[in-house]
N, C-alpha and C. Protein backbone atom coordinates (compact mmCIF):
# COMPACT_ATOMS: atom_id res chain seq x y z
N MET A 1 -40.07 -54.84 9.79
CA MET A 1 -40.38 -55.84 8.79
C MET A 1 -41.21 -56.96 9.40
N THR A 2 -40.86 -57.41 10.61
CA THR A 2 -41.59 -58.50 11.25
C THR A 2 -43.02 -58.07 11.57
N LYS A 3 -43.19 -56.81 11.97
CA LYS A 3 -44.53 -56.30 12.27
C LYS A 3 -45.39 -56.28 11.01
N GLN A 4 -44.80 -55.89 9.88
CA GLN A 4 -45.52 -55.89 8.62
C GLN A 4 -45.89 -57.31 8.22
N MET A 5 -44.98 -58.25 8.43
CA MET A 5 -45.26 -59.64 8.10
C MET A 5 -46.41 -60.17 8.95
N ALA A 6 -46.45 -59.79 10.23
CA ALA A 6 -47.51 -60.24 11.11
C ALA A 6 -48.86 -59.68 10.66
N ASN A 7 -48.87 -58.45 10.19
CA ASN A 7 -50.11 -57.85 9.71
C ASN A 7 -50.63 -58.56 8.47
N LEU A 8 -49.75 -59.12 7.69
CA LEU A 8 -50.15 -59.83 6.47
C LEU A 8 -50.44 -61.31 6.73
N GLY A 9 -50.19 -61.79 7.93
CA GLY A 9 -50.41 -63.20 8.24
C GLY A 9 -49.29 -64.09 7.78
N ILE A 10 -48.12 -63.54 7.54
CA ILE A 10 -46.97 -64.31 7.08
C ILE A 10 -46.13 -64.67 8.30
N THR A 11 -45.95 -65.97 8.53
CA THR A 11 -45.17 -66.42 9.67
C THR A 11 -43.72 -66.69 9.26
N PRO A 12 -42.81 -66.63 10.22
CA PRO A 12 -41.41 -66.95 9.90
C PRO A 12 -41.24 -68.37 9.36
N SER A 13 -42.06 -69.30 9.82
CA SER A 13 -41.94 -70.67 9.32
C SER A 13 -42.34 -70.75 7.84
N TRP A 14 -43.30 -69.94 7.42
CA TRP A 14 -43.68 -69.91 6.01
C TRP A 14 -42.54 -69.34 5.16
N VAL A 15 -41.91 -68.28 5.63
CA VAL A 15 -40.79 -67.69 4.92
C VAL A 15 -39.66 -68.71 4.80
N PHE A 16 -39.37 -69.40 5.90
CA PHE A 16 -38.34 -70.44 5.89
C PHE A 16 -38.68 -71.53 4.87
N PHE A 17 -39.93 -71.99 4.87
CA PHE A 17 -40.35 -73.03 3.92
C PHE A 17 -40.16 -72.57 2.49
N THR A 18 -40.56 -71.34 2.17
CA THR A 18 -40.45 -70.87 0.79
C THR A 18 -39.00 -70.78 0.34
N VAL A 19 -38.12 -70.34 1.23
CA VAL A 19 -36.70 -70.25 0.88
C VAL A 19 -36.12 -71.64 0.67
N ILE A 20 -36.40 -72.56 1.59
CA ILE A 20 -35.87 -73.92 1.47
C ILE A 20 -36.41 -74.61 0.23
N PHE A 21 -37.71 -74.46 -0.05
CA PHE A 21 -38.28 -75.10 -1.22
C PHE A 21 -37.73 -74.51 -2.51
N PHE A 22 -37.48 -73.20 -2.52
CA PHE A 22 -36.88 -72.56 -3.68
C PHE A 22 -35.50 -73.14 -3.95
N ILE A 23 -34.68 -73.22 -2.93
CA ILE A 23 -33.33 -73.78 -3.07
C ILE A 23 -33.41 -75.25 -3.50
N PHE A 24 -34.31 -76.00 -2.90
CA PHE A 24 -34.48 -77.42 -3.23
C PHE A 24 -34.87 -77.61 -4.69
N SER A 25 -35.82 -76.83 -5.16
CA SER A 25 -36.29 -77.00 -6.54
C SER A 25 -35.21 -76.66 -7.55
N ILE A 26 -34.45 -75.59 -7.29
CA ILE A 26 -33.36 -75.24 -8.19
C ILE A 26 -32.28 -76.32 -8.18
N THR A 27 -32.00 -76.86 -7.00
CA THR A 27 -30.97 -77.90 -6.88
C THR A 27 -31.36 -79.17 -7.62
N ILE A 28 -32.58 -79.65 -7.42
CA ILE A 28 -32.95 -80.91 -8.08
C ILE A 28 -33.08 -80.74 -9.59
N THR A 29 -33.51 -79.56 -10.03
CA THR A 29 -33.57 -79.32 -11.48
C THR A 29 -32.17 -79.27 -12.07
N SER A 30 -31.24 -78.62 -11.38
CA SER A 30 -29.86 -78.55 -11.84
C SER A 30 -29.22 -79.94 -11.90
N ILE A 31 -29.48 -80.75 -10.89
CA ILE A 31 -28.94 -82.12 -10.88
C ILE A 31 -29.53 -82.92 -12.04
N GLY A 32 -30.83 -82.73 -12.28
CA GLY A 32 -31.46 -83.42 -13.40
C GLY A 32 -30.85 -83.02 -14.73
N ILE A 33 -30.57 -81.73 -14.90
CA ILE A 33 -29.94 -81.27 -16.14
C ILE A 33 -28.54 -81.85 -16.27
N PHE A 34 -27.81 -81.92 -15.16
CA PHE A 34 -26.44 -82.44 -15.20
C PHE A 34 -26.40 -83.91 -15.61
N TYR A 35 -27.37 -84.70 -15.13
CA TYR A 35 -27.35 -86.14 -15.37
C TYR A 35 -28.17 -86.60 -16.57
N VAL A 36 -28.86 -85.70 -17.26
CA VAL A 36 -29.63 -86.13 -18.42
C VAL A 36 -28.67 -86.63 -19.51
N PRO A 37 -28.97 -87.77 -20.13
CA PRO A 37 -28.03 -88.36 -21.10
C PRO A 37 -28.15 -87.73 -22.49
N VAL A 38 -27.70 -86.48 -22.61
CA VAL A 38 -27.70 -85.78 -23.90
C VAL A 38 -26.37 -85.05 -24.05
N ASP A 39 -26.18 -84.45 -25.24
CA ASP A 39 -24.95 -83.70 -25.50
C ASP A 39 -24.87 -82.46 -24.60
N ASN A 40 -23.65 -81.94 -24.48
CA ASN A 40 -23.44 -80.77 -23.62
C ASN A 40 -24.18 -79.53 -24.10
N TRP A 41 -24.34 -79.37 -25.41
CA TRP A 41 -25.04 -78.18 -25.89
C TRP A 41 -26.51 -78.23 -25.50
N VAL A 42 -27.10 -79.42 -25.42
CA VAL A 42 -28.48 -79.56 -24.97
C VAL A 42 -28.58 -79.23 -23.48
N LYS A 43 -27.60 -79.70 -22.71
CA LYS A 43 -27.57 -79.37 -21.29
C LYS A 43 -27.43 -77.87 -21.09
N GLY A 44 -26.61 -77.23 -21.93
CA GLY A 44 -26.46 -75.78 -21.85
C GLY A 44 -27.75 -75.06 -22.16
N TYR A 45 -28.47 -75.58 -23.15
CA TYR A 45 -29.75 -74.98 -23.53
C TYR A 45 -30.76 -75.13 -22.39
N LEU A 46 -30.80 -76.30 -21.76
CA LEU A 46 -31.69 -76.51 -20.63
C LEU A 46 -31.30 -75.62 -19.45
N ALA A 47 -30.00 -75.46 -19.23
CA ALA A 47 -29.53 -74.60 -18.14
C ALA A 47 -29.92 -73.14 -18.40
N MET A 48 -29.83 -72.70 -19.65
CA MET A 48 -30.25 -71.33 -19.98
C MET A 48 -31.75 -71.17 -19.72
N GLY A 49 -32.52 -72.18 -20.05
CA GLY A 49 -33.96 -72.14 -19.77
C GLY A 49 -34.24 -72.06 -18.29
N LEU A 50 -33.48 -72.82 -17.50
CA LEU A 50 -33.63 -72.78 -16.04
C LEU A 50 -33.29 -71.39 -15.51
N ILE A 51 -32.21 -70.81 -15.98
CA ILE A 51 -31.81 -69.48 -15.52
C ILE A 51 -32.84 -68.43 -15.91
N CYS A 52 -33.36 -68.51 -17.13
CA CYS A 52 -34.39 -67.56 -17.56
C CYS A 52 -35.67 -67.72 -16.75
N SER A 53 -36.06 -68.95 -16.48
CA SER A 53 -37.25 -69.20 -15.66
C SER A 53 -37.04 -68.67 -14.24
N LEU A 54 -35.88 -68.89 -13.71
CA LEU A 54 -35.55 -68.40 -12.38
C LEU A 54 -35.60 -66.88 -12.32
N ALA A 55 -34.96 -66.24 -13.28
CA ALA A 55 -34.93 -64.77 -13.30
C ALA A 55 -36.33 -64.20 -13.48
N SER A 56 -37.12 -64.77 -14.36
CA SER A 56 -38.46 -64.23 -14.58
C SER A 56 -39.36 -64.44 -13.37
N SER A 57 -39.19 -65.55 -12.67
CA SER A 57 -40.00 -65.76 -11.46
C SER A 57 -39.61 -64.78 -10.36
N LEU A 58 -38.32 -64.49 -10.25
CA LEU A 58 -37.89 -63.50 -9.25
C LEU A 58 -38.40 -62.10 -9.59
N ILE A 59 -38.34 -61.75 -10.86
CA ILE A 59 -38.85 -60.45 -11.29
C ILE A 59 -40.35 -60.36 -11.08
N PHE A 60 -41.06 -61.43 -11.38
CA PHE A 60 -42.51 -61.46 -11.20
C PHE A 60 -42.89 -61.29 -9.73
N THR A 61 -42.19 -62.01 -8.84
CA THR A 61 -42.52 -61.91 -7.42
C THR A 61 -42.14 -60.55 -6.85
N LYS A 62 -41.22 -59.86 -7.46
CA LYS A 62 -40.89 -58.49 -7.03
C LYS A 62 -41.93 -57.50 -7.57
N THR A 63 -42.43 -57.74 -8.75
CA THR A 63 -43.37 -56.81 -9.38
C THR A 63 -44.75 -56.86 -8.73
N GLN A 64 -45.21 -58.03 -8.34
CA GLN A 64 -46.55 -58.15 -7.77
C GLN A 64 -46.76 -57.29 -6.53
N PRO A 65 -45.87 -57.32 -5.53
CA PRO A 65 -46.07 -56.43 -4.39
C PRO A 65 -45.97 -54.95 -4.77
N ASP A 66 -45.13 -54.62 -5.74
CA ASP A 66 -45.03 -53.24 -6.18
C ASP A 66 -46.35 -52.76 -6.78
N LEU A 67 -47.00 -53.62 -7.57
CA LEU A 67 -48.29 -53.26 -8.14
C LEU A 67 -49.35 -53.10 -7.06
N SER A 68 -49.31 -53.97 -6.07
CA SER A 68 -50.25 -53.88 -4.96
C SER A 68 -50.06 -52.59 -4.18
N GLU A 69 -48.81 -52.23 -3.93
CA GLU A 69 -48.52 -50.98 -3.22
C GLU A 69 -48.97 -49.77 -4.04
N ALA A 70 -48.78 -49.82 -5.34
CA ALA A 70 -49.19 -48.71 -6.21
C ALA A 70 -50.70 -48.55 -6.17
N LYS A 71 -51.44 -49.67 -6.15
CA LYS A 71 -52.90 -49.59 -6.07
C LYS A 71 -53.34 -48.96 -4.74
N LYS A 72 -52.65 -49.34 -3.66
CA LYS A 72 -52.99 -48.77 -2.35
C LYS A 72 -52.73 -47.27 -2.34
N LEU A 73 -51.61 -46.86 -2.93
CA LEU A 73 -51.29 -45.44 -2.95
C LEU A 73 -52.29 -44.66 -3.81
N ASN A 74 -52.64 -45.23 -4.96
CA ASN A 74 -53.58 -44.54 -5.85
C ASN A 74 -54.98 -44.47 -5.26
N SER A 75 -55.40 -45.50 -4.54
CA SER A 75 -56.74 -45.48 -3.96
C SER A 75 -56.80 -44.56 -2.74
N GLY A 76 -55.66 -44.30 -2.13
CA GLY A 76 -55.64 -43.43 -0.96
C GLY A 76 -55.61 -41.95 -1.31
N ILE A 77 -55.28 -41.65 -2.54
CA ILE A 77 -55.16 -40.23 -2.95
C ILE A 77 -56.50 -39.69 -3.36
């Protein structure tokens, strides 16, 4: 895995930054939802939006490399 990352120009510090920033952004958004001065049902709605955004971004980031790999396989055949 590390050899593949080196071939792509991805450093361990970049991976660390992306993980930390991901955790940070989810944390501050969750805190913001918790402290917003609205009813609980509105907070629940915002939390559902956060969860859906989170899930779709994870699915998107998983799909992009898969599409790239499929293109490489198809062009090699």
